[in-house]
Amino acid sequence: MTNPFQNRAMTLNGPASDLAPITPNDGADLPTIAVALYIETGGDIALVTVRGQSRSVKVADFAILPVGTRRVLATGTTAIGIHALTVS
């Protein structure tokens, strides 16, 4: 199989190299900073940005939220099916 990523440096403006499901947690950061979030079922998302700022936003179903995220909080999050898009 041909790998189009093989000899390329990963960048923040390119595609993510992986995505992983997130379980919102008030006390623990994500294992890898997310460059964006993908949300299957919309609602509110409470998060901590890569800069450490607490934010809360409302998102629609099947939304992509392009913000560097270190933590998705359980308190205040009603959206479900949240995935971290990562670059590594």
N, C-alpha and C. Protein backbone atom coordinates (compact mmCIF):
# COMPACT_ATOMS: atom_id res chain seq x y z
N MET A 1 0.84 -1.17 0.00
CA MET A 1 0.00 0.00 0.00
C MET A 1 0.88 1.23 0.00
N THR A 2 0.54 2.20 -0.80
CA THR A 2 1.27 3.46 -0.86
C THR A 2 0.86 4.35 0.30
N ASN A 3 1.84 4.95 0.97
CA ASN A 3 1.58 5.84 2.10
C ASN A 3 1.90 7.27 1.69
N PRO A 4 0.88 8.12 1.45
CA PRO A 4 1.15 9.50 1.01
C PRO A 4 1.78 10.37 2.11
N PHE A 5 1.80 9.90 3.35
CA PHE A 5 2.37 10.66 4.46
C PHE A 5 3.84 10.31 4.72
N GLN A 6 4.34 9.28 4.06
CA GLN A 6 5.63 8.71 4.39
C GLN A 6 6.78 9.71 4.43
N ASN A 7 6.94 10.54 3.45
CA ASN A 7 8.08 11.46 3.40
C ASN A 7 7.66 12.91 3.57
N ARG A 8 6.60 13.14 4.31
CA ARG A 8 6.12 14.50 4.51
C ARG A 8 6.14 14.86 5.98
N ALA A 9 6.49 16.10 6.24
CA ALA A 9 6.42 16.61 7.61
C ALA A 9 4.96 16.93 7.92
N MET A 10 4.51 16.55 9.08
CA MET A 10 3.14 16.85 9.49
C MET A 10 3.04 18.34 9.81
N THR A 11 1.97 18.98 9.34
CA THR A 11 1.76 20.40 9.60
C THR A 11 0.39 20.61 10.20
N LEU A 12 0.19 21.76 10.81
CA LEU A 12 -1.10 22.07 11.41
C LEU A 12 -2.15 22.43 10.37
N ASN A 13 -1.75 22.74 9.15
CA ASN A 13 -2.73 23.08 8.13
C ASN A 13 -3.02 21.92 7.19
N GLY A 14 -2.44 20.77 7.45
CA GLY A 14 -2.70 19.59 6.65
C GLY A 14 -3.70 18.68 7.34
N PRO A 15 -3.90 17.50 6.79
CA PRO A 15 -4.83 16.59 7.43
C PRO A 15 -4.27 16.07 8.76
N ALA A 16 -5.17 15.69 9.65
CA ALA A 16 -4.76 15.07 10.90
C ALA A 16 -4.15 13.71 10.60
N SER A 17 -3.25 13.26 11.46
CA SER A 17 -2.65 11.95 11.27
C SER A 17 -3.42 10.86 12.00
N ASP A 18 -4.30 11.27 12.92
CA ASP A 18 -5.09 10.28 13.66
C ASP A 18 -6.28 10.97 14.30
N LEU A 19 -7.26 10.17 14.71
CA LEU A 19 -8.34 10.69 15.53
C LEU A 19 -8.66 9.65 16.57
N ALA A 20 -9.07 10.11 17.74
CA ALA A 20 -9.33 9.21 18.86
C ALA A 20 -10.55 9.70 19.62
N PRO A 21 -11.38 8.77 20.08
CA PRO A 21 -12.55 9.17 20.86
C PRO A 21 -12.12 9.81 22.18
N ILE A 22 -12.92 10.76 22.63
CA ILE A 22 -12.66 11.48 23.88
C ILE A 22 -13.76 11.17 24.87
N THR A 23 -13.37 10.85 26.09
CA THR A 23 -14.30 10.80 27.21
C THR A 23 -14.07 12.07 28.00
N PRO A 24 -15.05 13.00 28.01
CA PRO A 24 -14.85 14.24 28.76
C PRO A 24 -14.47 13.96 30.21
N ASN A 25 -13.53 14.77 30.72
CA ASN A 25 -12.97 14.56 32.05
C ASN A 25 -12.57 15.90 32.64
N ASP A 26 -13.07 16.21 33.82
CA ASP A 26 -12.75 17.49 34.45
C ASP A 26 -11.32 17.56 34.99
N GLY A 27 -10.67 16.41 35.21
CA GLY A 27 -9.38 16.42 35.88
C GLY A 27 -8.18 15.98 35.08
N ALA A 28 -8.37 15.55 33.83
CA ALA A 28 -7.23 15.03 33.08
C ALA A 28 -7.18 15.60 31.67
N ASP A 29 -5.97 16.00 31.27
CA ASP A 29 -5.75 16.46 29.90
C ASP A 29 -5.81 15.28 28.94
N LEU A 30 -6.01 15.58 27.67
CA LEU A 30 -5.96 14.56 26.63
C LEU A 30 -4.52 14.03 26.54
N PRO A 31 -4.33 12.79 26.10
CA PRO A 31 -2.97 12.26 25.98
C PRO A 31 -2.13 13.03 24.96
N THR A 32 -2.78 13.56 23.93
CA THR A 32 -2.13 14.37 22.90
C THR A 32 -3.01 15.58 22.63
N ILE A 33 -2.41 16.76 22.54
CA ILE A 33 -3.17 17.97 22.22
C ILE A 33 -3.90 17.76 20.90
N ALA A 34 -5.17 18.07 20.88
CA ALA A 34 -5.97 17.96 19.65
C ALA A 34 -5.83 19.26 18.86
N VAL A 35 -5.66 19.14 17.54
CA VAL A 35 -5.64 20.33 16.69
C VAL A 35 -7.06 20.74 16.31
N ALA A 36 -8.00 19.82 16.49
CA ALA A 36 -9.41 20.08 16.22
C ALA A 36 -10.22 18.98 16.89
N LEU A 37 -11.51 19.23 17.04
CA LEU A 37 -12.43 18.23 17.55
C LEU A 37 -13.48 17.92 16.49
N TYR A 38 -13.86 16.67 16.40
CA TYR A 38 -14.97 16.25 15.55
C TYR A 38 -16.08 15.81 16.48
N ILE A 39 -17.30 16.31 16.25
CA ILE A 39 -18.43 16.03 17.13
C ILE A 39 -19.54 15.37 16.33
N GLU A 40 -19.96 14.19 16.76
CA GLU A 40 -21.02 13.46 16.05
C GLU A 40 -22.41 14.02 16.37
N THR A 41 -22.70 14.21 17.66
CA THR A 41 -24.01 14.72 18.07
C THR A 41 -23.81 16.04 18.79
N GLY A 42 -24.36 17.09 18.24
CA GLY A 42 -24.13 18.43 18.75
C GLY A 42 -24.67 18.69 20.14
N GLY A 43 -24.26 19.81 20.67
CA GLY A 43 -24.64 20.26 22.01
C GLY A 43 -23.59 21.24 22.49
N ASP A 44 -23.44 21.34 23.78
CA ASP A 44 -22.43 22.22 24.36
C ASP A 44 -21.13 21.45 24.56
N ILE A 45 -20.01 22.14 24.36
CA ILE A 45 -18.70 21.58 24.66
C ILE A 45 -17.96 22.58 25.54
N ALA A 46 -17.56 22.11 26.71
CA ALA A 46 -16.71 22.89 27.61
C ALA A 46 -15.30 22.34 27.46
N LEU A 47 -14.34 23.21 27.19
CA LEU A 47 -12.99 22.74 26.91
C LEU A 47 -11.96 23.69 27.48
N VAL A 48 -10.73 23.20 27.51
CA VAL A 48 -9.58 24.02 27.87
C VAL A 48 -8.69 24.05 26.63
N THR A 49 -8.38 25.25 26.17
CA THR A 49 -7.59 25.41 24.94
C THR A 49 -6.12 25.06 25.21
N VAL A 50 -5.38 24.96 24.14
CA VAL A 50 -3.96 24.68 24.24
C VAL A 50 -3.25 25.78 25.05
N ARG A 51 -3.80 26.97 25.08
CA ARG A 51 -3.23 28.08 25.86
C ARG A 51 -3.72 28.11 27.30
N GLY A 52 -4.58 27.14 27.68
CA GLY A 52 -5.03 27.05 29.06
C GLY A 52 -6.28 27.85 29.37
N GLN A 53 -6.96 28.36 28.35
CA GLN A 53 -8.18 29.14 28.56
C GLN A 53 -9.41 28.23 28.56
N SER A 54 -10.32 28.44 29.50
CA SER A 54 -11.57 27.69 29.54
C SER A 54 -12.57 28.35 28.61
N ARG A 55 -13.19 27.54 27.78
CA ARG A 55 -14.17 28.02 26.80
C ARG A 55 -15.37 27.08 26.77
N SER A 56 -16.52 27.61 26.37
CA SER A 56 -17.71 26.80 26.18
C SER A 56 -18.38 27.26 24.89
N VAL A 57 -18.68 26.29 24.02
CA VAL A 57 -19.30 26.61 22.74
C VAL A 57 -20.41 25.61 22.45
N LYS A 58 -21.35 26.04 21.65
CA LYS A 58 -22.42 25.17 21.18
C LYS A 58 -22.07 24.76 19.76
N VAL A 59 -22.18 23.45 19.48
CA VAL A 59 -21.84 22.94 18.15
C VAL A 59 -23.00 22.11 17.61
N ALA A 60 -23.05 22.02 16.29
CA ALA A 60 -24.09 21.25 15.61
C ALA A 60 -23.64 19.79 15.44
N ASP A 61 -24.54 18.95 15.00
CA ASP A 61 -24.20 17.57 14.66
C ASP A 61 -23.13 17.57 13.56
N PHE A 62 -22.22 16.62 13.63
CA PHE A 62 -21.17 16.40 12.63
C PHE A 62 -20.30 17.64 12.41
N ALA A 63 -20.00 18.33 13.50
CA ALA A 63 -19.21 19.56 13.42
C ALA A 63 -17.72 19.27 13.59
N ILE A 64 -16.92 20.12 12.98
CA ILE A 64 -15.48 20.14 13.24
C ILE A 64 -15.18 21.47 13.89
N LEU A 65 -14.57 21.41 15.07
CA LEU A 65 -14.22 22.61 15.83
C LEU A 65 -12.70 22.76 15.76
N PRO A 66 -12.20 23.67 14.91
CA PRO A 66 -10.75 23.78 14.70
C PRO A 66 -10.07 24.65 15.75
N VAL A 67 -9.94 24.10 16.95
CA VAL A 67 -9.27 24.83 18.02
C VAL A 67 -8.36 23.85 18.77
N GLY A 68 -7.13 24.29 19.05
CA GLY A 68 -6.21 23.46 19.82
C GLY A 68 -6.79 23.21 21.20
N THR A 69 -6.94 21.93 21.56
CA THR A 69 -7.63 21.57 22.81
C THR A 69 -6.77 20.63 23.64
N ARG A 70 -6.61 20.98 24.92
CA ARG A 70 -5.86 20.11 25.83
C ARG A 70 -6.78 19.26 26.70
N ARG A 71 -8.04 19.73 26.92
CA ARG A 71 -8.97 18.98 27.78
C ARG A 71 -10.40 19.28 27.36
N VAL A 72 -11.24 18.25 27.35
CA VAL A 72 -12.69 18.43 27.18
C VAL A 72 -13.30 18.09 28.53
N LEU A 73 -13.99 19.06 29.10
CA LEU A 73 -14.55 18.92 30.44
C LEU A 73 -15.87 18.16 30.43
N ALA A 74 -16.07 17.33 31.45
CA ALA A 74 -17.34 16.63 31.61
C ALA A 74 -18.43 17.61 32.02
N THR A 75 -18.07 18.50 32.96
CA THR A 75 -19.02 19.51 33.44
C THR A 75 -19.25 20.53 32.34
N GLY A 76 -20.49 20.64 31.89
CA GLY A 76 -20.83 21.61 30.86
C GLY A 76 -20.84 21.05 29.45
N THR A 77 -20.40 19.80 29.27
CA THR A 77 -20.40 19.18 27.94
C THR A 77 -21.62 18.29 27.79
N THR A 78 -22.45 18.60 26.79
CA THR A 78 -23.62 17.77 26.49
C THR A 78 -23.49 17.09 25.12
N ALA A 79 -22.58 17.55 24.29
CA ALA A 79 -22.35 16.92 22.98
C ALA A 79 -21.79 15.52 23.22
N ILE A 80 -22.07 14.61 22.28
CA ILE A 80 -21.55 13.25 22.41
C ILE A 80 -20.89 12.82 21.11
N GLY A 81 -20.10 11.76 21.23
CA GLY A 81 -19.35 11.30 20.06
C GLY A 81 -18.26 12.28 19.68
N ILE A 82 -17.47 12.71 20.68
CA ILE A 82 -16.42 13.70 20.47
C ILE A 82 -15.11 12.96 20.19
N HIS A 83 -14.39 13.41 19.16
CA HIS A 83 -13.12 12.80 18.78
C HIS A 83 -12.05 13.88 18.67
N ALA A 84 -10.85 13.57 19.10
CA ALA A 84 -9.70 14.47 18.96
C ALA A 84 -9.01 14.18 17.65
N LEU A 85 -8.78 15.21 16.84
CA LEU A 85 -7.96 15.09 15.64
C LEU A 85 -6.55 15.52 16.03
N THR A 86 -5.58 14.65 15.78
CA THR A 86 -4.23 14.92 16.23
C THR A 86 -3.22 14.87 15.08
N VAL A 87 -2.09 15.51 15.31
CA VAL A 87 -0.97 15.50 14.38
C VAL A 87 0.24 15.04 15.18
N SER A 88 0.88 13.99 14.72
CA SER A 88 2.07 13.54 15.44
C SER A 88 3.11 13.03 14.50
